[in-house]
């Protein structure tokens, strides 16, 4: 049994590596999975080689982002400031 599909069925490259069609979220962002926003890849093609990786890895990364951010705060942040606090200071 593969760790990638957890016995859910056979591995099919096209199912694993073909993301859903992008939906425009803003002028510079698209979304393919609910609550997963990304810079429109067309804006990055000139400067950043786009990697191909499986859909399950995109979802794994997305679901682990809060844990990663918590880890970064514990190890590197002296103080955590919300975005709204920063904007409030700018507006003053």
C-alpha atoms as a PDB file:
ATOM      1  CA  UNK A   1       0.000   0.000   0.000  1.00  0.00           C
ATOM      2  CA  UNK A   2       1.353   3.402  -0.972  1.00  0.00           C
ATOM      3  CA  UNK A   3       1.612   6.145   1.654  1.00  0.00           C
ATOM      4  CA  UNK A   4       0.379   8.550  -0.982  1.00  0.00           C
ATOM      5  CA  UNK A   5      -3.046   7.053  -1.511  1.00  0.00           C
ATOM      6  CA  UNK A   6      -3.494   5.247   1.825  1.00  0.00           C
ATOM      7  CA  UNK A   7      -5.122   2.287   0.107  1.00  0.00           C
ATOM      8  CA  UNK A   8      -7.890   4.470  -1.308  1.00  0.00           C
ATOM      9  CA  UNK A   9      -7.391   3.055  -4.767  1.00  0.00           C
ATOM     10  CA  UNK A  10      -4.909   2.786  -7.597  1.00  0.00           C
ATOM     11  CA  UNK A  11      -2.521   5.608  -8.357  1.00  0.00           C
ATOM     12  CA  UNK A  12      -3.568   7.502 -11.463  1.00  0.00           C
ATOM     13  CA  UNK A  13      -1.109  10.172 -12.524  1.00  0.00           C
ATOM     14  CA  UNK A  14      -3.756  12.404 -14.112  1.00  0.00           C
ATOM     15  CA  UNK A  15      -5.915  12.324 -10.967  1.00  0.00           C
ATOM     16  CA  UNK A  16      -3.002  13.039  -8.647  1.00  0.00           C
ATOM     17  CA  UNK A  17      -1.118  15.628 -10.702  1.00  0.00           C
ATOM     18  CA  UNK A  18      -3.883  17.525 -12.502  1.00  0.00           C
ATOM     19  CA  UNK A  19      -5.197  20.240 -10.186  1.00  0.00           C
ATOM     20  CA  UNK A  20      -8.727  21.574 -10.556  1.00  0.00           C
ATOM     21  CA  UNK A  21      -9.128  24.476 -12.945  1.00  0.00           C
ATOM     22  CA  UNK A  22      -8.159  27.773 -11.303  1.00  0.00           C
ATOM     23  CA  UNK A  23     -10.837  30.225 -10.249  1.00  0.00           C
ATOM     24  CA  UNK A  24      -9.792  33.870 -10.253  1.00  0.00           C
ATOM     25  CA  UNK A  25      -9.831  35.230  -6.693  1.00  0.00           C
ATOM     26  CA  UNK A  26      -8.317  38.644  -7.463  1.00  0.00           C
ATOM     27  CA  UNK A  27      -6.200  40.401 -10.040  1.00  0.00           C
ATOM     28  CA  UNK A  28      -3.137  38.423  -8.935  1.00  0.00           C
ATOM     29  CA  UNK A  29      -4.501  35.354  -7.161  1.00  0.00           C
ATOM     30  CA  UNK A  30      -6.310  32.157  -8.065  1.00  0.00           C
ATOM     31  CA  UNK A  31      -7.777  29.358  -6.010  1.00  0.00           C
ATOM     32  CA  UNK A  32      -8.011  25.688  -6.932  1.00  0.00           C
ATOM     33  CA  UNK A  33      -8.964  24.219  -3.571  1.00  0.00           C
ATOM     34  CA  UNK A  34     -11.265  25.796  -0.994  1.00  0.00           C
ATOM     35  CA  UNK A  35      -9.336  28.274   1.198  1.00  0.00           C
ATOM     36  CA  UNK A  36      -6.085  27.736  -0.751  1.00  0.00           C
ATOM     37  CA  UNK A  37      -5.058  30.909  -2.553  1.00  0.00           C
ATOM     38  CA  UNK A  38      -2.003  31.120  -4.778  1.00  0.00           C
ATOM     39  CA  UNK A  39      -0.319  33.737  -6.896  1.00  0.00           C
ATOM     40  CA  UNK A  40      -1.530  33.356 -10.458  1.00  0.00           C
ATOM     41  CA  UNK A  41       1.170  31.076 -11.927  1.00  0.00           C
ATOM     42  CA  UNK A  42       1.140  33.063 -15.181  1.00  0.00           C
ATOM     43  CA  UNK A  43       2.561  36.037 -13.249  1.00  0.00           C
ATOM     44  CA  UNK A  44       5.474  33.962 -11.998  1.00  0.00           C
ATOM     45  CA  UNK A  45       6.475  32.000 -15.120  1.00  0.00           C
ATOM     46  CA  UNK A  46       9.209  34.429 -16.115  1.00  0.00           C
ATOM     47  CA  UNK A  47      10.969  34.403 -12.720  1.00  0.00           C
ATOM     48  CA  UNK A  48      10.062  31.178 -10.922  1.00  0.00           C
ATOM     49  CA  UNK A  49      10.088  27.699 -12.428  1.00  0.00           C
ATOM     50  CA  UNK A  50       6.736  26.155 -11.530  1.00  0.00           C
ATOM     51  CA  UNK A  51       6.939  22.749  -9.872  1.00  0.00           C
ATOM     52  CA  UNK A  52       4.562  19.922 -10.551  1.00  0.00           C
ATOM     53  CA  UNK A  53       3.480  18.080  -7.451  1.00  0.00           C
ATOM     54  CA  UNK A  54       0.438  16.029  -6.505  1.00  0.00           C
ATOM     55  CA  UNK A  55      -2.861  17.494  -5.393  1.00  0.00           C
ATOM     56  CA  UNK A  56      -2.658  15.643  -2.079  1.00  0.00           C
ATOM     57  CA  UNK A  57       0.626  17.462  -1.336  1.00  0.00           C
ATOM     58  CA  UNK A  58      -0.981  20.848  -1.957  1.00  0.00           C
ATOM     59  CA  UNK A  59      -3.730  19.917   0.500  1.00  0.00           C
ATOM     60  CA  UNK A  60      -1.196  18.536   3.009  1.00  0.00           C
ATOM     61  CA  UNK A  61       0.789  21.777   2.919  1.00  0.00           C
ATOM     62  CA  UNK A  62      -2.357  23.868   3.184  1.00  0.00           C
ATOM     63  CA  UNK A  63      -3.662  21.923   6.191  1.00  0.00           C
ATOM     64  CA  UNK A  64      -0.262  22.062   7.935  1.00  0.00           C
ATOM     65  CA  UNK A  65       0.237  25.823   7.563  1.00  0.00           C
ATOM     66  CA  UNK A  66      -1.194  26.692  10.996  1.00  0.00           C
ATOM     67  CA  UNK A  67       1.071  24.133  12.694  1.00  0.00           C
ATOM     68  CA  UNK A  68       4.073  25.492  10.772  1.00  0.00           C
ATOM     69  CA  UNK A  69       3.227  29.079  11.663  1.00  0.00           C
ATOM     70  CA  UNK A  70       2.816  28.116  15.339  1.00  0.00           C
ATOM     71  CA  UNK A  71       6.221  26.411  15.246  1.00  0.00           C
ATOM     72  CA  UNK A  72       7.842  29.480  13.644  1.00  0.00           C
ATOM     73  CA  UNK A  73       6.303  31.753  16.281  1.00  0.00           C
ATOM     74  CA  UNK A  74       7.537  29.537  19.118  1.00  0.00           C
ATOM     75  CA  UNK A  75      11.072  29.433  17.747  1.00  0.00           C
ATOM     76  CA  UNK A  76      11.649  32.836  16.178  1.00  0.00           C
ATOM     77  CA  UNK A  77       9.082  35.431  17.214  1.00  0.00           C
ATOM     78  CA  UNK A  78       9.500  37.620  20.252  1.00  0.00           C
ATOM     79  CA  UNK A  79       6.038  39.022  19.628  1.00  0.00           C
ATOM     80  CA  UNK A  80       3.205  38.030  17.289  1.00  0.00           C
ATOM     81  CA  UNK A  81       1.270  40.950  15.813  1.00  0.00           C
ATOM     82  CA  UNK A  82      -1.954  40.615  13.856  1.00  0.00           C
ATOM     83  CA  UNK A  83      -2.299  42.212  10.452  1.00  0.00           C
ATOM     84  CA  UNK A  84      -5.108  44.426  11.735  1.00  0.00           C
ATOM     85  CA  UNK A  85      -2.791  45.803  14.434  1.00  0.00           C
ATOM     86  CA  UNK A  86      -0.177  46.692  11.819  1.00  0.00           C
ATOM     87  CA  UNK A  87      -2.769  48.391   9.617  1.00  0.00           C
ATOM     88  CA  UNK A  88      -4.120  50.339  12.609  1.00  0.00           C
ATOM     89  CA  UNK A  89      -0.624  51.680  13.324  1.00  0.00           C
ATOM     90  CA  UNK A  90      -0.182  52.719   9.695  1.00  0.00           C
ATOM     91  CA  UNK A  91      -3.508  54.580   9.699  1.00  0.00           C
ATOM     92  CA  UNK A  92      -2.575  56.602  12.793  1.00  0.00           C
END
